[in-house]
Amino acid sequence: MSDDYAQLDATGQAELVRSGEVSPAELVDAAIARAEALNPELNAIIHELYDEAREAASGELPDGPFRGVPFVLKDLGAGLAGQPLHMGLRPLKDADFRFPVDTYLGARFRDAGFVTIGKTNTPQLGILPTTEPKLYGPTRNPWNTGHSTGGSSGGSGAAVASGMVPVGHANDGGGSIRIPASECGLVGLKPTRQRISEGPLIGDNMSGLTCELVVSHTMRDTAAILDAVHGPAPGDPYVAPPPLRPYVEELEADPQGLRVALITESFTGDDVDPIVVEAAEKAASELEALGHSIDKPDLSIFGEQDVTPTFMARWAAGQAQILATLGTAIDHEFVEDDVEPLTWALAEIGKSTGASEYLQAVAQHQVLSRMLAGLYETYDLLLTPTLGEPPPPLGTFDDSGPDPLTAIMRASLTATFTAVFNVTGQPAISLPLYETGDGLPVGVQLAAPFGREDLLIAIGSQLERAVPWADRRPQVFAAATA
């Protein structure tokens, strides 16, 4: 039966529990068996919470929409009190650091009925778009184990794509939900800024660059989970506008006549791989066949706007801030030998970034946000490749050379279409519509106006029916482990 469960999305597994066909304990035991079989090859789960999961599944679970469904939490961001939190940092591991409290999102996942069986691998502090921390080693892509799963939610991407669990927690500061979704053949929705609370420990991380949700196999899982976890919490600095109706009601909306802007030119000046351009153009053709109009917008208004330097100013300041905060939490002053070369280089830049420079970067991003939002006066949606390239080989983002910053500058190509929507705060989704000739996944991204996840769910569901993807399976998948 473990193989049968692996074929189901979270909604399907929850339906088995509700109907009485299977117990939560059976679902969780099956997921743990799959994880034990696959994780030695993929290195997706770094903290096994198997005993805790079995105890929870055998007890009184919250009667949420996903009661009894096995789940993973990323080792960065949301969590529950007492769970380990290392974020790729050896000093946290040596201190056996654990969450002091439930985060609001962690509690909402639990209240939805999910049972966490483990925590997943992430690059140190979530900095790079690949999951290869020196502390825990690389996570390998189930489609081709020599390639990256993306980052920084690559551990969750591998766990979900391989069938260990049907969905997994992910978060996104420059593409870290959408990058693993694209590279692992999954759905990845980056919600509107502050759609989901990051409290109580975080307000608006790096002035609002980051957000949280999941990677999944299906649009119905994405919509139902968003319904379960969105909304403000006490003390949030600001909130996203509420939806007009439940997101699951958008799954059958069948929108017509949407105006879609096709953008295939890099936002960062990088030379984009023709394979991902072709994928976006195929998606445009599919949308035209569904009755929508496609146009290539005039982007000359953006001039020489390059988001990279100002994004880096905010990103580097964020790394300096988090190391200082964590140092206080474990009573340890971080030094160069405690962290990876890139982390230290960014933190040093962050410490030298003046307050006026940081605020100027935020102000420039607000101008860019207004300019990009202006496109929605003409278009309903923006369509781009998710990434500037297919999944790269492991080792592509090596920071061990004389200049560790080369690793993150190389990341510009990967995140050329994703990071801009962290800057603007608009929702964006990666859909697993295509693959390369040698079988590596290639995602396509759609971005909507601020607060319009409903539109992304409606159009994503429409494309899911037109170009089904949920039955595609990678080389390393749970069905092959029985």
Protein backbone atom coordinates (compact mmCIF):
# COMPACT_ATOMS: atom_id res chain seq x y z
CA MET A 1 0.00 0.00 0.00
CA SER A 2 2.93 2.38 0.53
CA ASP A 3 3.30 2.66 -3.23
CA ASP A 4 -0.40 3.41 -3.63
CA TYR A 5 -0.22 6.22 -1.07
CA ALA A 6 2.80 7.74 -2.82
CA GLN A 7 0.73 8.17 -5.99
CA LEU A 8 -1.78 10.40 -4.16
CA ASP A 9 -1.56 14.10 -3.47
CA ALA A 10 -2.28 15.47 0.00
CA THR A 11 -5.96 15.96 -0.77
CA GLY A 12 -6.23 12.35 -1.90
CA GLN A 13 -4.49 11.04 1.20
CA ALA A 14 -6.72 13.17 3.44
CA GLU A 15 -9.80 11.75 1.72
CA LEU A 16 -8.66 8.22 2.64
CA VAL A 17 -8.47 9.24 6.30
CA ARG A 18 -11.86 10.94 6.26
CA SER A 19 -13.49 7.91 4.65
CA GLY A 20 -11.96 5.57 7.20
CA GLU A 21 -10.09 3.58 4.55
CA VAL A 22 -6.79 4.28 6.25
CA SER A 23 -5.66 5.65 9.60
CA PRO A 24 -3.26 8.54 10.12
CA ALA A 25 -0.82 6.11 11.70
CA GLU A 26 -0.84 3.96 8.56
CA LEU A 27 -0.21 6.96 6.32
CA VAL A 28 2.63 8.17 8.51
CA ASP A 29 4.24 4.74 8.81
CA ALA A 30 4.14 4.38 5.03
CA ALA A 31 5.71 7.81 4.53
CA ILE A 32 8.48 7.01 7.01
CA ALA A 33 9.18 3.75 5.18
CA ARG A 34 9.47 5.63 1.90
CA ALA A 35 11.74 8.22 3.47
CA GLU A 36 13.99 5.56 4.95
CA ALA A 37 14.26 3.89 1.54
CA LEU A 38 14.90 7.03 -0.52
CA ASN A 39 16.65 9.51 1.74
CA PRO A 40 20.08 7.81 1.72
CA GLU A 41 20.23 8.53 -2.03
CA LEU A 42 18.61 11.98 -2.05
CA ASN A 43 19.58 13.53 1.32
CA ALA A 44 16.34 15.50 1.53
CA ILE A 45 15.51 14.99 5.23
CA ILE A 46 18.23 16.01 7.70
CA HIS A 47 16.26 15.84 10.98
CA GLU A 48 14.26 12.64 11.39
CA LEU A 49 11.18 13.24 13.52
CA TYR A 50 9.83 9.74 13.02
CA ASP A 51 9.11 8.87 16.66
CA GLU A 52 7.34 12.19 17.24
CA ALA A 53 5.33 11.70 14.06
CA ARG A 54 4.22 8.21 15.01
CA GLU A 55 3.18 9.44 18.45
CA ALA A 56 1.20 12.32 16.97
CA ALA A 57 -0.49 10.13 14.34
CA SER A 58 -1.59 7.65 17.00
CA GLY A 59 -3.09 10.36 19.18
CA GLU A 60 -5.82 12.98 18.88
CA LEU A 61 -4.98 15.01 15.77
CA PRO A 62 -6.66 18.33 14.95
CA ASP A 63 -9.67 17.80 12.73
CA GLY A 64 -8.29 19.93 9.90
CA PRO A 65 -8.61 19.40 6.14
CA PHE A 66 -5.35 17.41 6.02
CA ARG A 67 -5.78 15.31 9.14
CA GLY A 68 -3.16 12.57 9.24
CA VAL A 69 -1.30 13.56 6.07
CA PRO A 70 2.51 13.24 6.39
CA PHE A 71 4.48 16.43 5.89
CA VAL A 72 7.97 17.92 6.09
CA LEU A 73 9.12 21.28 7.40
CA LYS A 74 12.13 23.05 5.91
CA ASP A 75 15.02 23.63 8.35
CA LEU A 76 14.52 27.37 7.94
CA GLY A 77 11.43 29.44 8.68
CA ALA A 78 8.28 27.90 10.11
CA GLY A 79 8.48 25.33 12.89
CA LEU A 80 7.15 24.04 16.16
CA ALA A 81 8.53 24.47 19.68
CA GLY A 82 11.24 21.92 20.46
CA GLN A 83 12.06 21.03 16.88
CA PRO A 84 15.70 21.37 15.79
CA LEU A 85 16.67 24.48 13.82
CA HIS A 86 20.16 24.58 12.27
CA MET A 87 19.78 26.49 8.98
CA GLY A 88 23.06 24.99 7.76
CA LEU A 89 25.03 26.54 10.66
CA ARG A 90 27.39 24.36 12.70
CA PRO A 91 27.20 26.56 15.83
CA LEU A 92 23.43 25.95 15.94
CA LYS A 93 23.97 22.22 15.51
CA ASP A 94 26.66 22.15 18.20
CA ALA A 95 24.32 24.04 20.54
CA ASP A 96 21.44 21.66 19.73
CA PHE A 97 19.39 24.76 19.01
CA ARG A 98 15.62 24.30 18.90
CA PHE A 99 12.58 26.46 18.23
CA PRO A 100 11.67 28.26 21.45
CA VAL A 101 8.01 28.67 20.40
CA ASP A 102 5.56 27.56 17.73
CA THR A 103 5.62 29.88 14.77
CA TYR A 104 2.17 30.95 13.62
CA LEU A 105 2.58 29.09 10.33
CA GLY A 106 3.95 25.98 12.03
CA ALA A 107 0.88 25.93 14.26
CA ARG A 108 -1.43 26.42 11.29
CA PHE A 109 0.14 23.48 9.46
CA ARG A 110 -0.39 21.39 12.60
CA ASP A 111 -3.96 22.64 13.03
CA ALA A 112 -4.66 21.71 9.40
CA GLY A 113 -3.90 18.13 10.45
CA PHE A 114 -0.46 17.66 8.92
CA VAL A 115 1.96 15.34 10.74
CA THR A 116 5.59 16.40 10.37
CA ILE A 117 7.90 13.41 9.83
CA GLY A 118 11.12 15.39 9.37
CA LYS A 119 12.87 18.63 8.58
CA THR A 120 14.50 19.15 5.22
CA ASN A 121 17.87 20.31 3.98
CA THR A 122 18.55 23.91 3.00
CA PRO A 123 21.61 25.91 1.92
CA GLN A 124 23.20 27.87 4.73
CA LEU A 125 20.73 30.61 5.75
CA GLY A 126 18.85 29.94 2.50
CA ILE A 127 21.31 32.09 0.59
CA LEU A 128 21.85 30.14 -2.65
CA PRO A 129 19.44 28.70 -5.26
CA THR A 130 20.85 25.22 -4.68
CA THR A 131 20.75 22.94 -1.63
CA GLU A 132 24.37 22.01 -0.97
CA PRO A 133 25.26 23.10 2.58
CA LYS A 134 28.67 22.00 3.80
CA LEU A 135 27.14 21.00 7.14
CA TYR A 136 24.75 18.39 5.72
CA GLY A 137 25.91 17.84 2.14
CA PRO A 138 24.00 18.15 -1.13
CA THR A 139 20.40 17.22 -1.74
CA ARG A 140 20.11 15.34 -5.03
CA ASN A 141 17.46 15.81 -7.69
CA PRO A 142 15.14 12.76 -8.07
CA TRP A 143 14.98 13.40 -11.83
CA ASN A 144 18.77 13.16 -12.17
CA THR A 145 20.85 12.83 -9.02
CA GLY A 146 23.79 14.67 -10.54
CA HIS A 147 21.75 17.87 -10.71
CA SER A 148 20.57 20.47 -8.21
CA THR A 149 17.11 20.46 -6.64
CA GLY A 150 17.25 24.23 -6.50
CA GLY A 151 17.15 26.22 -3.32
CA SER A 152 16.67 27.21 -0.83
CA SER A 153 13.74 24.80 -0.35
CA GLY A 154 15.51 22.03 -2.25
CA GLY A 155 15.22 19.45 0.53
CA SER A 156 11.46 19.80 0.53
CA GLY A 157 11.47 19.75 -3.27
CA ALA A 158 13.27 16.41 -3.35
CA ALA A 159 11.10 14.91 -0.59
CA VAL A 160 7.89 15.81 -2.42
CA ALA A 161 9.06 15.02 -5.96
CA SER A 162 10.28 11.56 -4.91
CA GLY A 163 7.01 10.72 -3.15
CA MET A 164 8.27 10.61 0.44
CA VAL A 165 5.48 13.04 1.34
CA PRO A 166 2.79 14.62 -0.84
CA VAL A 167 3.59 18.24 0.09
CA GLY A 168 6.32 20.07 1.96
CA HIS A 169 6.89 23.44 3.58
CA ALA A 170 8.92 25.97 1.58
CA ASN A 171 9.72 29.66 1.75
CA ASP A 172 10.92 32.24 -0.75
CA GLY A 173 13.21 35.28 -0.53
CA GLY A 174 14.39 35.43 -4.13
CA GLY A 175 12.71 32.41 -5.67
CA SER A 176 13.17 29.69 -3.04
CA ILE A 177 9.69 28.21 -3.49
CA ARG A 178 9.58 28.58 -7.27
CA ILE A 179 13.17 27.51 -8.02
CA PRO A 180 12.85 24.05 -6.40
CA ALA A 181 9.37 23.72 -7.89
CA SER A 182 10.78 24.30 -11.37
CA GLU A 183 13.80 22.05 -10.88
CA CYS A 184 11.85 19.22 -9.22
CA GLY A 185 8.72 19.24 -11.42
CA LEU A 186 6.32 20.65 -8.80
CA VAL A 187 3.83 23.46 -8.24
CA GLY A 188 5.29 26.36 -6.28
CA LEU A 189 3.20 29.40 -5.33
CA LYS A 190 4.92 32.43 -3.83
CA PRO A 191 2.05 34.26 -2.15
CA THR A 192 1.53 37.98 -1.91
CA ARG A 193 3.76 39.73 0.63
CA GLN A 194 2.38 39.12 4.15
CA ARG A 195 -0.40 36.87 2.90
CA ILE A 196 0.96 34.40 5.46
CA SER A 197 2.28 35.52 8.82
CA GLU A 198 5.98 34.96 9.55
CA GLY A 199 5.41 35.67 13.27
CA PRO A 200 5.91 35.67 16.09
CA LEU A 201 9.69 35.70 15.64
CA ILE A 202 9.74 37.64 12.35
CA GLY A 203 7.80 40.68 11.18
CA ASP A 204 8.77 41.52 7.61
CA ASN A 205 12.10 39.84 6.95
CA MET A 206 14.53 42.06 5.01
CA SER A 207 11.74 44.64 4.66
CA GLY A 208 9.37 42.13 3.13
CA LEU A 209 11.46 40.05 0.70
CA THR A 210 10.46 36.68 2.16
CA CYS A 211 7.23 34.69 2.32
CA GLU A 212 6.18 31.12 3.09
CA LEU A 213 3.96 28.30 1.78
CA VAL A 214 4.64 24.86 0.23
CA VAL A 215 5.72 22.91 -2.82
CA SER A 216 3.13 20.41 -4.05
CA HIS A 217 2.09 18.17 -6.93
CA THR A 218 -1.31 19.68 -7.67
CA MET A 219 -3.21 22.94 -7.84
CA ARG A 220 -5.91 21.61 -5.53
CA ASP A 221 -3.35 20.97 -2.79
CA THR A 222 -1.86 24.43 -3.24
CA ALA A 223 -5.27 26.11 -3.05
CA ALA A 224 -6.51 24.12 -0.07
CA ILE A 225 -3.31 24.64 1.92
CA LEU A 226 -3.37 28.36 1.20
CA ASP A 227 -6.95 28.43 2.49
CA ALA A 228 -5.82 26.66 5.66
CA VAL A 229 -2.84 28.86 6.56
CA HIS A 230 -3.34 32.37 5.18
CA GLY A 231 -4.41 35.41 7.14
CA PRO A 232 -2.98 37.86 9.66
CA ALA A 233 -1.81 37.11 13.15
CA PRO A 234 -1.39 39.36 16.19
CA GLY A 235 1.42 41.85 15.79
CA ASP A 236 1.96 41.49 12.04
CA PRO A 237 3.39 44.77 10.68
CA TYR A 238 0.90 44.83 7.79
CA VAL A 239 -1.34 42.34 5.99
CA ALA A 240 -2.32 41.36 2.46
CA PRO A 241 -5.85 42.13 1.26
CA PRO A 242 -8.21 39.21 2.06
CA PRO A 243 -9.55 37.03 -0.76
CA LEU A 244 -13.16 37.46 -1.83
CA ARG A 245 -13.89 33.73 -1.50
CA PRO A 246 -12.03 30.50 -0.61
CA TYR A 247 -9.16 29.74 -2.94
CA VAL A 248 -10.43 26.21 -3.65
CA GLU A 249 -13.43 27.78 -5.37
CA GLU A 250 -11.06 29.15 -8.02
CA LEU A 251 -10.09 25.63 -9.15
CA GLU A 252 -13.11 25.40 -11.44
CA ALA A 253 -13.29 29.08 -12.36
CA ASP A 254 -12.24 28.55 -16.01
CA PRO A 255 -11.23 32.17 -16.74
CA GLN A 256 -11.65 33.49 -20.28
CA GLY A 257 -10.14 36.29 -22.32
CA LEU A 258 -7.25 37.17 -20.01
CA ARG A 259 -4.58 39.53 -21.36
CA VAL A 260 -1.17 37.92 -20.82
CA ALA A 261 2.20 39.62 -21.24
CA LEU A 262 4.95 37.24 -22.38
CA ILE A 263 8.36 38.28 -21.03
CA THR A 264 11.41 36.20 -21.97
CA GLU A 265 14.13 38.82 -21.65
CA SER A 266 16.13 38.57 -18.45
CA PHE A 267 15.43 41.10 -15.71
CA THR A 268 19.14 41.01 -14.80
CA GLY A 269 20.82 41.13 -18.20
CA ASP A 270 21.82 37.46 -18.12
CA ASP A 271 21.72 35.37 -21.29
CA VAL A 272 18.73 33.10 -20.80
CA ASP A 273 18.89 29.46 -21.94
CA PRO A 274 16.81 28.95 -25.12
CA ILE A 275 15.19 25.86 -23.57
CA VAL A 276 13.40 27.89 -20.90
CA VAL A 277 12.37 30.52 -23.45
CA GLU A 278 10.86 27.76 -25.58
CA ALA A 279 8.94 26.49 -22.55
CA ALA A 280 7.44 29.92 -21.89
CA GLU A 281 6.51 30.30 -25.56
CA LYS A 282 4.80 26.87 -25.51
CA ALA A 283 2.85 27.97 -22.45
CA ALA A 284 1.82 31.11 -24.31
CA SER A 285 0.50 28.96 -27.14
CA GLU A 286 -1.47 26.84 -24.67
CA LEU A 287 -2.98 29.96 -23.15
CA GLU A 288 -3.95 31.24 -26.60
CA ALA A 289 -5.63 27.90 -27.31
CA LEU A 290 -7.59 28.37 -24.07
CA GLY A 291 -8.91 31.70 -25.31
CA HIS A 292 -6.47 34.18 -23.77
CA SER A 293 -4.52 36.83 -25.65
CA ILE A 294 -0.72 37.02 -25.65
CA ASP A 295 1.36 40.11 -26.19
CA LYS A 296 5.01 41.04 -25.75
CA PRO A 297 5.07 44.25 -23.72
CA ASP A 298 7.29 47.25 -24.26
CA LEU A 299 9.73 47.13 -21.35
CA SER A 300 11.69 50.21 -22.35
CA ILE A 301 10.11 52.06 -19.43
CA PHE A 302 12.37 50.02 -17.16
CA GLY A 303 15.44 51.44 -18.89
CA GLU A 304 18.63 50.21 -17.26
CA GLN A 305 16.89 49.14 -14.07
CA ASP A 306 19.03 46.30 -12.69
CA VAL A 307 17.59 44.86 -9.51
CA THR A 308 20.76 42.93 -8.63
CA PRO A 309 22.85 45.58 -6.76
CA THR A 310 19.95 46.85 -4.66
CA PHE A 311 18.68 43.32 -4.00
CA MET A 312 22.17 42.39 -2.83
CA ALA A 313 22.24 45.37 -0.46
CA ARG A 314 19.09 44.09 1.24
CA TRP A 315 20.16 40.45 1.05
CA ALA A 316 23.60 41.06 2.57
CA ALA A 317 22.16 43.20 5.35
CA GLY A 318 19.76 40.38 6.11
CA GLN A 319 22.58 37.86 6.54
CA ALA A 320 24.43 40.17 8.92
CA GLN A 321 21.26 40.71 10.92
CA ILE A 322 20.37 37.02 11.22
CA LEU A 323 23.87 36.04 12.36
CA ALA A 324 23.73 38.75 15.02
CA THR A 325 20.29 37.59 16.16
CA LEU A 326 21.29 33.92 16.28
CA GLY A 327 24.50 34.78 18.09
CA THR A 328 22.44 36.40 20.82
CA ALA A 329 20.13 33.37 20.96
CA ILE A 330 22.98 30.89 21.58
CA ASP A 331 25.34 33.32 23.36
CA HIS A 332 27.96 32.97 20.64
CA GLU A 333 29.71 35.58 18.52
CA PHE A 334 29.92 34.26 14.99
CA VAL A 335 33.39 34.35 13.42
CA GLU A 336 34.59 33.57 9.91
CA ASP A 337 35.34 29.90 10.62
CA ASP A 338 31.76 29.33 11.82
CA VAL A 339 30.18 29.85 8.41
CA GLU A 340 30.68 29.20 4.72
CA PRO A 341 32.83 31.67 2.75
CA LEU A 342 29.87 33.21 0.92
CA THR A 343 27.90 33.69 4.13
CA TRP A 344 30.80 35.52 5.74
CA ALA A 345 31.42 37.68 2.67
CA LEU A 346 27.75 38.71 2.55
CA ALA A 347 27.60 39.37 6.28
CA GLU A 348 30.68 41.59 6.06
CA ILE A 349 29.06 43.54 3.23
CA GLY A 350 25.87 43.75 5.25
CA LYS A 351 27.67 45.14 8.28
CA SER A 352 29.32 47.81 6.14
CA THR A 353 26.07 48.80 4.39
CA GLY A 354 24.94 52.13 5.80
CA ALA A 355 21.40 52.86 6.88
CA SER A 356 20.93 55.38 4.09
CA GLU A 357 22.19 52.89 1.48
CA TYR A 358 19.79 50.24 2.75
CA LEU A 359 16.84 52.61 2.73
CA GLN A 360 17.81 53.80 -0.74
CA ALA A 361 17.70 50.19 -1.97
CA VAL A 362 14.23 49.76 -0.47
CA ALA A 363 13.11 53.05 -2.02
CA GLN A 364 14.42 52.05 -5.45
CA HIS A 365 12.57 48.76 -5.16
CA GLN A 366 9.38 50.61 -4.33
CA VAL A 367 9.79 52.64 -7.52
CA LEU A 368 10.37 49.43 -9.48
CA SER A 369 7.28 47.93 -7.84
CA ARG A 370 5.14 50.83 -9.05
CA MET A 371 6.56 50.52 -12.56
CA LEU A 372 5.92 46.79 -12.72
CA ALA A 373 2.46 47.19 -11.20
CA GLY A 374 1.73 49.62 -14.03
CA LEU A 375 1.89 46.72 -16.48
CA TYR A 376 -1.28 45.36 -14.90
CA GLU A 377 -3.21 48.35 -16.19
CA THR A 378 -2.78 46.72 -19.61
CA TYR A 379 -2.35 43.03 -18.72
CA ASP A 380 -4.00 40.61 -16.31
CA LEU A 381 -0.99 38.32 -15.95
CA LEU A 382 2.72 38.24 -16.69
CA LEU A 383 4.18 35.03 -18.17
CA THR A 384 7.90 34.22 -17.96
CA PRO A 385 10.18 31.24 -17.71
CA THR A 386 10.50 30.39 -14.02
CA LEU A 387 14.29 30.25 -14.22
CA GLY A 388 16.96 31.40 -16.61
CA GLU A 389 18.20 27.83 -17.07
CA PRO A 390 17.30 24.15 -16.55
CA PRO A 391 18.45 22.48 -13.30
CA PRO A 392 22.24 22.97 -13.20
CA PRO A 393 24.70 20.27 -12.13
CA LEU A 394 25.61 20.01 -8.47
CA GLY A 395 28.70 22.08 -7.71
CA THR A 396 27.72 24.96 -9.99
CA PHE A 397 27.54 27.45 -7.10
CA ASP A 398 30.94 26.77 -5.53
CA ASP A 399 32.08 29.49 -3.13
CA SER A 400 35.50 27.98 -2.31
CA GLY A 401 37.49 30.09 -4.80
CA PRO A 402 39.34 33.34 -4.17
CA ASP A 403 36.12 35.38 -4.41
CA PRO A 404 33.16 33.60 -2.74
CA LEU A 405 30.77 36.22 -4.14
CA THR A 406 31.13 34.60 -7.57
CA ALA A 407 28.74 31.91 -6.32
CA ILE A 408 25.90 34.32 -5.70
CA MET A 409 26.61 36.32 -8.84
CA ARG A 410 26.26 33.03 -10.74
CA ALA A 411 22.86 32.69 -9.06
CA SER A 412 21.66 35.75 -10.98
CA LEU A 413 20.94 33.59 -14.03
CA THR A 414 18.90 31.07 -12.04
CA ALA A 415 16.79 33.70 -10.26
CA THR A 416 16.57 36.26 -13.06
CA PHE A 417 12.78 35.90 -13.36
CA THR A 418 11.93 35.11 -9.72
CA ALA A 419 13.62 37.67 -7.48
CA VAL A 420 11.83 40.66 -9.01
CA PHE A 421 8.51 39.46 -7.56
CA ASN A 422 10.03 39.25 -4.08
CA VAL A 423 11.01 42.88 -4.60
CA THR A 424 7.51 43.89 -5.71
CA GLY A 425 5.60 41.62 -3.31
CA GLN A 426 3.32 40.31 -6.06
CA PRO A 427 2.21 36.66 -6.10
CA ALA A 428 3.84 34.35 -8.63
CA ILE A 429 3.54 30.64 -9.36
CA SER A 430 5.79 28.10 -11.07
CA LEU A 431 3.96 25.37 -12.98
CA PRO A 432 5.69 22.12 -14.03
CA LEU A 433 4.58 22.19 -17.64
CA TYR A 434 7.66 21.03 -19.56
CA GLU A 435 11.00 19.25 -19.46
CA THR A 436 14.26 19.19 -21.35
CA GLY A 437 15.12 16.58 -23.95
CA ASP A 438 17.02 14.61 -21.32
CA GLY A 439 14.12 14.65 -18.87
CA LEU A 440 14.90 17.51 -16.49
CA PRO A 441 11.90 19.59 -15.37
CA VAL A 442 11.40 23.13 -16.67
CA GLY A 443 8.83 25.35 -14.98
CA VAL A 444 6.91 28.30 -16.34
CA GLN A 445 6.03 31.28 -14.13
CA LEU A 446 2.87 33.37 -14.01
CA ALA A 447 2.68 36.54 -11.91
CA ALA A 448 -0.49 38.39 -10.92
CA PRO A 449 -1.29 41.79 -9.41
CA PHE A 450 -0.79 42.28 -5.68
CA GLY A 451 -3.28 40.19 -3.73
CA ARG A 452 -4.50 38.13 -6.70
CA GLU A 453 -3.52 34.56 -5.85
CA ASP A 454 -7.08 33.71 -6.85
CA LEU A 455 -6.22 34.51 -10.46
CA LEU A 456 -3.07 32.38 -10.34
CA ILE A 457 -4.98 29.42 -8.93
CA ALA A 458 -7.69 29.76 -11.57
CA ILE A 459 -5.28 29.95 -14.51
CA GLY A 460 -2.97 27.31 -13.02
CA SER A 461 -5.87 24.91 -12.66
CA GLN A 462 -6.95 25.62 -16.22
CA LEU A 463 -3.44 24.81 -17.49
CA GLU A 464 -3.29 21.71 -15.29
CA ARG A 465 -6.35 20.35 -17.08
CA ALA A 466 -4.95 21.26 -20.50
CA VAL A 467 -1.39 19.99 -19.91
CA PRO A 468 -1.64 17.44 -17.07
CA TRP A 469 1.53 16.96 -15.06
CA ALA A 470 0.68 15.13 -11.82
CA ASP A 471 1.35 11.65 -13.22
CA ARG A 472 4.93 12.41 -14.32
CA ARG A 473 7.45 10.59 -12.16
CA PRO A 474 11.20 11.12 -11.67
CA GLN A 475 13.83 8.39 -11.87
CA VAL A 476 13.96 8.15 -8.07
CA PHE A 477 10.40 7.69 -6.86
CA ALA A 478 8.73 5.83 -4.01
CA ALA A 479 6.80 3.48 -6.28
CA ALA A 480 10.10 1.83 -7.20
CA THR A 481 11.07 1.07 -3.57
CA ALA A 482 8.63 -1.68 -2.57
